[in-house]
Amino acid sequence: MDSLEAVEGEATPEAFTEDGPPALTDGLPSEASQELEAARGENAALLGRLRVALAGTIAGLDPEAISGESLAEVEASFAAAKAVEEALRRAVARERTAAIPPGAPGRAGYLPATPFEKIRAGLGRLPGG
């Protein structure tokens, strides 16, 4: 109970400053404070690696497009990016199918109409002709 009373004694209204409540590391031994900061740095590095890995699953997605400071925020941001990517794929697929004309393609190129034009076209295809 003594430790609880000691903690309660530190949380007096005087402990609060204009900036808000005291930092979580205030009152911790320096070793614990350093370990906490190291864990936060490692967490940030792991979240960065997660962003890169998740961005690699969607072609052309920049890892900077996935944001968040916690695992849940990163996952939510990735889900939103994936939904946008799926919507874009569906829109592009609709445009592609609409661009293909129905039926047989039209004839391309010049077709000779008279017998003389047919002979001239045939002789033009001979080597040296």
Protein backbone atom coordinates (compact mmCIF):
# COMPACT_ATOMS: atom_id res chain seq x y z
CA MET A 1 0.00 0.00 0.00
CA ASP A 2 2.90 2.34 0.63
CA SER A 3 3.83 2.37 -3.08
CA LEU A 4 0.24 3.18 -4.05
CA GLU A 5 0.13 6.05 -1.62
CA ALA A 6 3.46 7.29 -2.97
CA VAL A 7 2.11 7.25 -6.53
CA GLU A 8 -1.10 8.96 -5.48
CA GLY A 9 0.95 11.59 -3.69
CA GLU A 10 2.81 12.41 -6.94
CA ALA A 11 -0.42 12.96 -8.91
CA THR A 12 -1.34 16.15 -7.13
CA PRO A 13 -2.77 19.09 -9.06
CA GLU A 14 0.59 20.83 -8.62
CA ALA A 15 2.22 18.07 -10.72
CA PHE A 16 0.25 19.22 -13.76
CA THR A 17 1.78 22.02 -15.77
CA GLU A 18 0.42 24.30 -18.44
CA ASP A 19 1.49 21.66 -20.99
CA GLY A 20 -0.71 19.00 -19.38
CA PRO A 21 -0.07 16.01 -17.14
CA PRO A 22 3.48 14.92 -16.38
CA ALA A 23 5.16 12.66 -18.92
CA LEU A 24 4.96 8.93 -18.33
CA THR A 25 8.72 8.74 -17.98
CA ASP A 26 8.76 11.31 -15.15
CA GLY A 27 9.48 9.52 -11.92
CA LEU A 28 10.85 6.40 -13.63
CA PRO A 29 14.43 5.38 -13.04
CA SER A 30 16.70 6.45 -15.87
CA GLU A 31 17.26 2.82 -16.93
CA ALA A 32 13.52 2.20 -17.31
CA SER A 33 13.14 5.48 -19.15
CA GLN A 34 15.91 4.52 -21.56
CA GLU A 35 14.38 1.08 -22.10
CA LEU A 36 11.01 2.66 -22.80
CA GLU A 37 12.51 5.02 -25.37
CA ALA A 38 14.44 2.14 -26.98
CA ALA A 39 11.23 0.09 -27.20
CA ARG A 40 9.43 3.04 -28.79
CA GLY A 41 12.22 3.40 -31.35
CA GLU A 42 12.14 -0.31 -32.12
CA ASN A 43 8.34 -0.17 -32.45
CA ALA A 44 8.62 2.72 -34.92
CA ALA A 45 11.23 0.80 -36.94
CA LEU A 46 9.05 -2.32 -37.03
CA LEU A 47 6.03 -0.28 -38.14
CA GLY A 48 8.17 1.21 -40.92
CA ARG A 49 9.20 -2.27 -42.09
CA LEU A 50 5.55 -3.37 -41.94
CA ARG A 51 4.54 -0.39 -44.11
CA VAL A 52 7.16 -1.33 -46.72
CA ALA A 53 6.08 -4.99 -46.69
CA LEU A 54 2.39 -4.15 -47.01
CA ALA A 55 3.05 -1.59 -49.77
CA GLY A 56 4.96 -4.28 -51.68
CA THR A 57 1.78 -6.34 -51.98
CA ILE A 58 0.14 -3.63 -54.11
CA ALA A 59 2.01 -2.75 -57.30
CA GLY A 60 3.09 0.87 -57.44
CA LEU A 61 1.99 1.77 -53.90
CA ASP A 62 4.39 4.09 -52.07
CA PRO A 63 5.03 3.02 -48.45
CA GLU A 64 4.47 6.65 -47.45
CA ALA A 65 0.81 6.23 -48.49
CA ILE A 66 0.30 3.87 -45.54
CA SER A 67 0.21 5.88 -42.33
CA GLY A 68 -0.29 5.25 -38.65
CA GLU A 69 1.58 5.20 -35.38
CA SER A 70 0.20 1.88 -34.12
CA LEU A 71 -0.39 -1.54 -35.62
CA ALA A 72 -4.15 -0.98 -35.78
CA GLU A 73 -3.72 2.38 -37.55
CA VAL A 74 -1.29 0.90 -40.10
CA GLU A 75 -3.63 -2.02 -40.79
CA ALA A 76 -6.60 0.32 -41.22
CA SER A 77 -4.62 2.55 -43.57
CA PHE A 78 -3.54 -0.48 -45.61
CA ALA A 79 -7.13 -1.75 -45.82
CA ALA A 80 -8.22 1.64 -47.14
CA ALA A 81 -5.40 1.66 -49.71
CA LYS A 82 -6.34 -1.84 -50.81
CA ALA A 83 -9.99 -0.82 -51.23
CA VAL A 84 -8.95 2.13 -53.40
CA GLU A 85 -6.73 -0.16 -55.49
CA GLU A 86 -9.60 -2.62 -56.04
CA ALA A 87 -11.96 0.19 -57.05
CA LEU A 88 -9.39 1.46 -59.55
CA ARG A 89 -8.90 -2.03 -61.00
CA ARG A 90 -12.66 -2.43 -61.50
CA ALA A 91 -12.91 1.02 -63.15
CA VAL A 92 -10.03 0.24 -65.51
CA ALA A 93 -11.53 -3.15 -66.38
CA ARG A 94 -14.87 -1.49 -67.19
CA GLU A 95 -13.15 1.05 -69.44
CA ARG A 96 -11.18 -1.67 -71.21
CA THR A 97 -14.25 -3.74 -72.00
CA ALA A 98 -16.09 -0.63 -73.21
CA ALA A 99 -13.22 0.29 -75.57
CA ILE A 100 -13.34 -3.00 -77.50
CA PRO A 101 -15.78 -2.64 -80.40
CA PRO A 102 -18.34 -5.43 -80.78
CA GLY A 103 -18.29 -7.66 -83.85
CA ALA A 104 -15.60 -8.38 -86.42
CA PRO A 105 -12.88 -5.80 -86.97
CA GLY A 106 -13.12 -3.73 -90.12
CA ARG A 107 -10.89 -4.43 -93.08
CA ALA A 108 -7.68 -2.52 -93.09
CA GLY A 109 -5.41 -1.52 -95.89
CA TYR A 110 -5.88 -0.89 -99.60
CA LEU A 111 -7.71 -3.45 -101.71
CA PRO A 112 -7.39 -3.11 -105.52
CA ALA A 113 -10.73 -2.65 -107.24
CA THR A 114 -10.07 -3.09 -110.98
CA PRO A 115 -8.27 -5.98 -112.72
CA PHE A 116 -5.37 -3.66 -113.71
CA GLU A 117 -4.90 -2.53 -110.09
CA LYS A 118 -4.86 -6.20 -109.00
CA ILE A 119 -2.13 -7.05 -111.54
CA ARG A 120 -0.10 -3.99 -110.56
CA ALA A 121 -0.40 -4.90 -106.83
CA GLY A 122 0.65 -8.51 -107.52
CA LEU A 123 3.67 -7.47 -109.61
CA GLY A 124 4.65 -4.99 -106.92
CA ARG A 125 5.08 -7.83 -104.44
CA LEU A 126 7.57 -9.74 -106.65
CA PRO A 127 11.25 -9.37 -105.80
CA GLY A 128 12.87 -6.70 -107.94
CA GLY A 129 9.46 -5.43 -108.98
